[in-house]
C-alpha atoms as a PDB file:
ATOM      1  CA  MET A   1       0.058   0.069  -0.105  1.00  0.00           C
ATOM      2  CA  LYS A   2       3.001   2.309  -0.372  1.00  0.00           C
ATOM      3  CA  ASP A   3       1.758   3.405  -3.398  1.00  0.00           C
ATOM      4  CA  THR A   4      -1.546   4.828  -1.902  1.00  0.00           C
ATOM      5  CA  PHE A   5      -0.107   8.379  -1.942  1.00  0.00           C
ATOM      6  CA  VAL A   6       1.534  10.629  -4.487  1.00  0.00           C
ATOM      7  CA  ILE A   7       1.804  14.705  -3.968  1.00  0.00           C
ATOM      8  CA  SER A   8      -0.954  16.147  -5.354  1.00  0.00           C
ATOM      9  CA  SER A   9       1.056  17.928  -7.983  1.00  0.00           C
ATOM     10  CA  SER A  10       0.596  16.147 -11.322  1.00  0.00           C
ATOM     11  CA  TYR A  11      -1.803  17.363 -13.745  1.00  0.00           C
ATOM     12  CA  SER A  12      -4.076  14.100 -13.608  1.00  0.00           C
ATOM     13  CA  VAL A  13      -4.549  14.957  -9.801  1.00  0.00           C
ATOM     14  CA  ILE A  14      -6.358  18.112 -10.907  1.00  0.00           C
ATOM     15  CA  LEU A  15      -8.831  16.256 -13.120  1.00  0.00           C
ATOM     16  CA  PHE A  16     -10.599  14.327 -10.561  1.00  0.00           C
ATOM     17  CA  PRO A  17     -12.262  16.987  -8.115  1.00  0.00           C
ATOM     18  CA  ALA A  18     -14.729  18.149 -10.768  1.00  0.00           C
ATOM     19  CA  SER A  19     -15.683  14.549 -11.109  1.00  0.00           C
ATOM     20  CA  PHE A  20     -17.128  14.363  -7.545  1.00  0.00           C
ATOM     21  CA  THR A  21     -19.577  17.162  -8.019  1.00  0.00           C
ATOM     22  CA  LYS A  22     -22.185  18.218 -10.519  1.00  0.00           C
ATOM     23  CA  VAL A  23     -20.279  20.805 -12.677  1.00  0.00           C
ATOM     24  CA  PRO A  24     -20.291  21.887 -16.376  1.00  0.00           C
ATOM     25  CA  ALA A  25     -18.579  19.516 -18.678  1.00  0.00           C
ATOM     26  CA  SER A  26     -15.751  22.222 -19.207  1.00  0.00           C
ATOM     27  CA  ALA A  27     -15.012  22.222 -15.655  1.00  0.00           C
ATOM     28  CA  ARG A  28     -14.304  18.453 -15.965  1.00  0.00           C
ATOM     29  CA  ASP A  29     -11.533  18.810 -18.318  1.00  0.00           C
ATOM     30  CA  PRO A  30      -9.751  21.934 -17.034  1.00  0.00           C
ATOM     31  CA  THR A  31      -7.354  23.842 -19.055  1.00  0.00           C
ATOM     32  CA  PRO A  32      -3.621  24.125 -18.081  1.00  0.00           C
ATOM     33  CA  THR A  33      -4.388  27.604 -16.537  1.00  0.00           C
ATOM     34  CA  GLN A  34      -7.450  26.007 -14.566  1.00  0.00           C
ATOM     35  CA  ALA A  35      -5.275  23.475 -13.196  1.00  0.00           C
ATOM     36  CA  VAL A  36      -2.637  25.670 -12.204  1.00  0.00           C
ATOM     37  CA  ARG A  37      -5.184  28.039 -10.592  1.00  0.00           C
ATOM     38  CA  TYR A  38      -6.668  24.817  -8.604  1.00  0.00           C
ATOM     39  CA  LEU A  39      -3.185  23.967  -7.489  1.00  0.00           C
ATOM     40  CA  HIS A  40      -2.487  27.404  -5.894  1.00  0.00           C
ATOM     41  CA  THR A  41      -5.888  27.684  -4.367  1.00  0.00           C
ATOM     42  CA  HIS A  42      -6.707  24.352  -3.145  1.00  0.00           C
ATOM     43  CA  VAL A  43      -3.545  22.228  -3.011  1.00  0.00           C
ATOM     44  CA  LEU A  44      -0.552  24.319  -2.194  1.00  0.00           C
ATOM     45  CA  PRO A  45      -2.076  26.248   0.800  1.00  0.00           C
ATOM     46  CA  HIS A  46      -2.246  22.891   2.544  1.00  0.00           C
ATOM     47  CA  PRO A  47       0.576  21.669   4.596  1.00  0.00           C
ATOM     48  CA  TYR A  48      -0.659  17.974   3.859  1.00  0.00           C
ATOM     49  CA  HIS A  49      -2.516  17.198   0.632  1.00  0.00           C
ATOM     50  CA  ARG A  50      -2.135  13.754  -1.185  1.00  0.00           C
ATOM     51  CA  ALA A  51      -3.978  12.113  -3.664  1.00  0.00           C
ATOM     52  CA  ILE A  52      -5.518   8.670  -2.947  1.00  0.00           C
ATOM     53  CA  LEU A  53      -4.376   6.010  -5.670  1.00  0.00           C
ATOM     54  CA  HIS A  54      -6.133   2.729  -6.270  1.00  0.00           C
ATOM     55  CA  ASN A  55      -4.350   0.743  -8.958  1.00  0.00           C
ATOM     56  CA  ASN A  56      -2.198   3.898  -9.862  1.00  0.00           C
ATOM     57  CA  THR A  57      -5.305   5.763 -10.664  1.00  0.00           C
ATOM     58  CA  VAL A  58      -6.339   8.850  -8.598  1.00  0.00           C
ATOM     59  CA  VAL A  59      -9.535   7.960  -6.807  1.00  0.00           C
ATOM     60  CA  GLY A  60      -9.632  10.710  -4.205  1.00  0.00           C
ATOM     61  CA  SER A  61      -7.570  12.964  -2.181  1.00  0.00           C
ATOM     62  CA  ILE A  62      -6.841  13.690   1.399  1.00  0.00           C
ATOM     63  CA  SER A  63      -5.636  16.499   3.525  1.00  0.00           C
ATOM     64  CA  ILE A  64      -4.478  17.359   7.040  1.00  0.00           C
ATOM     65  CA  THR A  65      -4.527  21.015   8.236  1.00  0.00           C
ATOM     66  CA  PRO A  66      -3.015  22.225  11.498  1.00  0.00           C
ATOM     67  CA  CYS A  67      -5.052  24.398  13.583  1.00  0.00           C
ATOM     68  CA  SER A  68      -3.631  27.956  13.055  1.00  0.00           C
ATOM     69  CA  ASP A  69      -4.321  29.477  16.513  1.00  0.00           C
ATOM     70  CA  GLU A  70      -1.008  29.516  18.423  1.00  0.00           C
ATOM     71  CA  GLY A  71      -2.625  27.958  21.516  1.00  0.00           C
ATOM     72  CA  ASN A  72      -4.076  24.990  19.367  1.00  0.00           C
ATOM     73  CA  LYS A  73      -1.168  23.934  17.426  1.00  0.00           C
ATOM     74  CA  CYS A  74      -1.289  20.455  18.985  1.00  0.00           C
ATOM     75  CA  ARG A  75      -4.257  19.716  16.839  1.00  0.00           C
ATOM     76  CA  ALA A  76      -5.251  19.223  13.224  1.00  0.00           C
ATOM     77  CA  SER A  77      -8.071  18.248  11.180  1.00  0.00           C
ATOM     78  CA  VAL A  78      -8.639  15.613   8.513  1.00  0.00           C
ATOM     79  CA  GLY A  79     -10.743  15.737   5.361  1.00  0.00           C
ATOM     80  CA  TYR A  80     -11.003  13.219   2.742  1.00  0.00           C
ATOM     81  CA  ARG A  81     -12.910  12.783  -0.678  1.00  0.00           C
ATOM     82  CA  LEU A  82     -13.226   9.627  -2.354  1.00  0.00           C
ATOM     83  CA  ALA A  83     -15.062   8.953  -5.926  1.00  0.00           C
ATOM     84  CA  HIS A  84     -18.288   6.907  -5.314  1.00  0.00           C
ATOM     85  CA  ASP A  85     -17.181   3.976  -7.388  1.00  0.00           C
ATOM     86  CA  TYR A  86     -14.499   3.417  -4.779  1.00  0.00           C
ATOM     87  CA  TRP A  87     -16.754   3.519  -1.536  1.00  0.00           C
ATOM     88  CA  GLY A  88     -17.030   0.485   0.631  1.00  0.00           C
ATOM     89  CA  LYS A  89     -13.650  -0.826  -0.202  1.00  0.00           C
ATOM     90  CA  GLY A  90     -11.638   0.017   2.583  1.00  0.00           C
ATOM     91  CA  ILE A  91      -9.381   2.583   0.497  1.00  0.00           C
ATOM     92  CA  ALA A  92     -10.658   5.648   2.493  1.00  0.00           C
ATOM     93  CA  THR A  93      -9.670   3.710   5.558  1.00  0.00           C
ATOM     94  CA  VAL A  94      -6.179   2.880   4.728  1.00  0.00           C
ATOM     95  CA  ALA A  95      -5.629   6.397   3.385  1.00  0.00           C
ATOM     96  CA  VAL A  96      -6.591   7.970   6.730  1.00  0.00           C
ATOM     97  CA  ARG A  97      -4.528   5.517   8.904  1.00  0.00           C
ATOM     98  CA  MET A  98      -1.612   6.179   6.668  1.00  0.00           C
ATOM     99  CA  ALA A  99      -2.062   9.845   6.412  1.00  0.00           C
ATOM    100  CA  VAL A 100      -2.414  10.273  10.306  1.00  0.00           C
ATOM    101  CA  ALA A 101       0.670   7.878  11.149  1.00  0.00           C
ATOM    102  CA  GLU A 102       2.736  10.023   8.843  1.00  0.00           C
ATOM    103  CA  VAL A 103       1.901  13.468  10.130  1.00  0.00           C
ATOM    104  CA  PHE A 104       2.086  12.340  13.729  1.00  0.00           C
ATOM    105  CA  GLU A 105       5.540  11.195  13.021  1.00  0.00           C
ATOM    106  CA  ARG A 106       6.607  14.411  11.201  1.00  0.00           C
ATOM    107  CA  TRP A 107       4.829  17.213  13.041  1.00  0.00           C
ATOM    108  CA  GLU A 108       6.519  18.063  16.198  1.00  0.00           C
ATOM    109  CA  GLY A 109       3.959  19.209  18.776  1.00  0.00           C
ATOM    110  CA  LEU A 110       0.867  17.410  17.159  1.00  0.00           C
ATOM    111  CA  GLU A 111      -1.220  15.371  19.899  1.00  0.00           C
ATOM    112  CA  ARG A 112      -4.595  15.261  18.037  1.00  0.00           C
ATOM    113  CA  VAL A 113      -6.189  14.656  14.836  1.00  0.00           C
ATOM    114  CA  GLU A 114      -9.884  15.147  14.343  1.00  0.00           C
ATOM    115  CA  GLY A 115     -12.734  14.905  12.031  1.00  0.00           C
ATOM    116  CA  VAL A 116     -15.971  16.067  11.856  1.00  0.00           C
ATOM    117  CA  VAL A 117     -18.813  14.312   9.849  1.00  0.00           C
ATOM    118  CA  ASP A 118     -22.596  15.372   8.972  1.00  0.00           C
ATOM    119  CA  VAL A 119     -24.775  13.611  11.649  1.00  0.00           C
ATOM    120  CA  GLU A 120     -27.554  12.840   9.053  1.00  0.00           C
ATOM    121  CA  ASN A 121     -25.904  12.255   5.714  1.00  0.00           C
ATOM    122  CA  ASN A 122     -22.572  10.586   5.996  1.00  0.00           C
ATOM    123  CA  VAL A 123     -22.758   7.263   8.087  1.00  0.00           C
ATOM    124  CA  ARG A 124     -19.924   5.858   5.760  1.00  0.00           C
ATOM    125  CA  SER A 125     -17.557   8.683   6.715  1.00  0.00           C
ATOM    126  CA  MET A 126     -18.361   8.105  10.273  1.00  0.00           C
ATOM    127  CA  ARG A 127     -17.599   4.325   9.900  1.00  0.00           C
ATOM    128  CA  VAL A 128     -14.065   5.001   8.011  1.00  0.00           C
ATOM    129  CA  LEU A 129     -12.980   7.222  10.806  1.00  0.00           C
ATOM    130  CA  GLU A 130     -13.915   4.668  13.438  1.00  0.00           C
ATOM    131  CA  LYS A 131     -12.049   1.967  11.581  1.00  0.00           C
ATOM    132  CA  ALA A 132      -9.103   4.037  11.232  1.00  0.00           C
ATOM    133  CA  GLY A 133      -8.938   4.313  14.970  1.00  0.00           C
ATOM    134  CA  PHE A 134     -10.566   7.614  15.845  1.00  0.00           C
ATOM    135  CA  LEU A 135     -13.087   7.799  18.933  1.00  0.00           C
ATOM    136  CA  ARG A 136     -16.430   9.313  18.472  1.00  0.00           C
ATOM    137  CA  GLU A 137     -16.415  12.173  21.133  1.00  0.00           C
ATOM    138  CA  GLY A 138     -19.825  13.644  20.734  1.00  0.00           C
ATOM    139  CA  VAL A 139     -22.339  15.797  18.645  1.00  0.00           C
ATOM    140  CA  LEU A 140     -21.469  19.291  17.935  1.00  0.00           C
ATOM    141  CA  ARG A 141     -24.805  20.876  17.431  1.00  0.00           C
ATOM    142  CA  ARG A 142     -25.305  23.494  14.663  1.00  0.00           C
ATOM    143  CA  TYR A 143     -21.566  23.579  14.099  1.00  0.00           C
ATOM    144  CA  LEU A 144     -21.278  24.343  10.372  1.00  0.00           C
ATOM    145  CA  VAL A 145     -22.927  25.259   7.098  1.00  0.00           C
ATOM    146  CA  LEU A 146     -23.089  22.544   4.657  1.00  0.00           C
ATOM    147  CA  LYS A 147     -24.804  23.324   1.180  1.00  0.00           C
ATOM    148  CA  GLY A 148     -26.492  26.387   2.776  1.00  0.00           C
ATOM    149  CA  GLU A 149     -28.006  24.505   5.758  1.00  0.00           C
ATOM    150  CA  VAL A 150     -26.561  24.762   9.442  1.00  0.00           C
ATOM    151  CA  ARG A 151     -25.620  21.284  10.423  1.00  0.00           C
ATOM    152  CA  ASP A 152     -24.990  19.202  13.484  1.00  0.00           C
ATOM    153  CA  VAL A 153     -21.611  17.180  13.215  1.00  0.00           C
ATOM    154  CA  VAL A 154     -20.124  14.115  14.939  1.00  0.00           C
ATOM    155  CA  MET A 155     -16.690  15.105  16.357  1.00  0.00           C
ATOM    156  CA  PHE A 156     -14.080  12.099  16.104  1.00  0.00           C
ATOM    157  CA  GLY A 157     -10.512  12.413  17.418  1.00  0.00           C
ATOM    158  CA  LEU A 158      -7.334  10.452  17.510  1.00  0.00           C
ATOM    159  CA  VAL A 159      -4.696  11.199  19.953  1.00  0.00           C
ATOM    160  CA  ARG A 160      -1.101  10.403  19.703  1.00  0.00           C
ATOM    161  CA  ALA A 161      -1.419   8.093  22.550  1.00  0.00           C
ATOM    162  CA  ASP A 162      -4.186   6.105  20.903  1.00  0.00           C
ATOM    163  CA  LEU A 163      -1.770   5.160  18.236  1.00  0.00           C
ATOM    164  CA  LEU A 164       0.864   3.843  20.818  1.00  0.00           C
ATOM    165  CA  GLN A 165      -1.716   1.748  22.584  1.00  0.00           C
ATOM    166  CA  GLY A 166      -2.987   0.141  19.032  1.00  0.00           C
END
């Protein structure tokens, strides 16, 4: 599974995000200028953003973003996307495990990685985090706006000590 990740810098990585959403056909086949713009606005700002590969095909991406507040630099948040055809195959779980292990190893002072999941519409993502070793910590009511609607989310967390025990 070492080949699960590549740095999200190749042109082919730029092609997949549009395929996850309903967008005009022109957006599914970006021009080189659009691809570069996507890299500069979505990929490069993240200290950790990787493509998820399956059989050498980009099928998703994962990012881990450290908290920017000075007093909270001990934590980071994980986010991931996976093409629908690859759901339920354990790919996202493996990607989350690998990414979290890597950032805990590389980022000095990191003690916690957390993920939030929509309470009503994303049971599969909850299962990914649970299988990756995250603990369900509670429901955050009216926590974020998703598709124009204020939503409740479930908070999941994994702390460095959990990895040492597991």
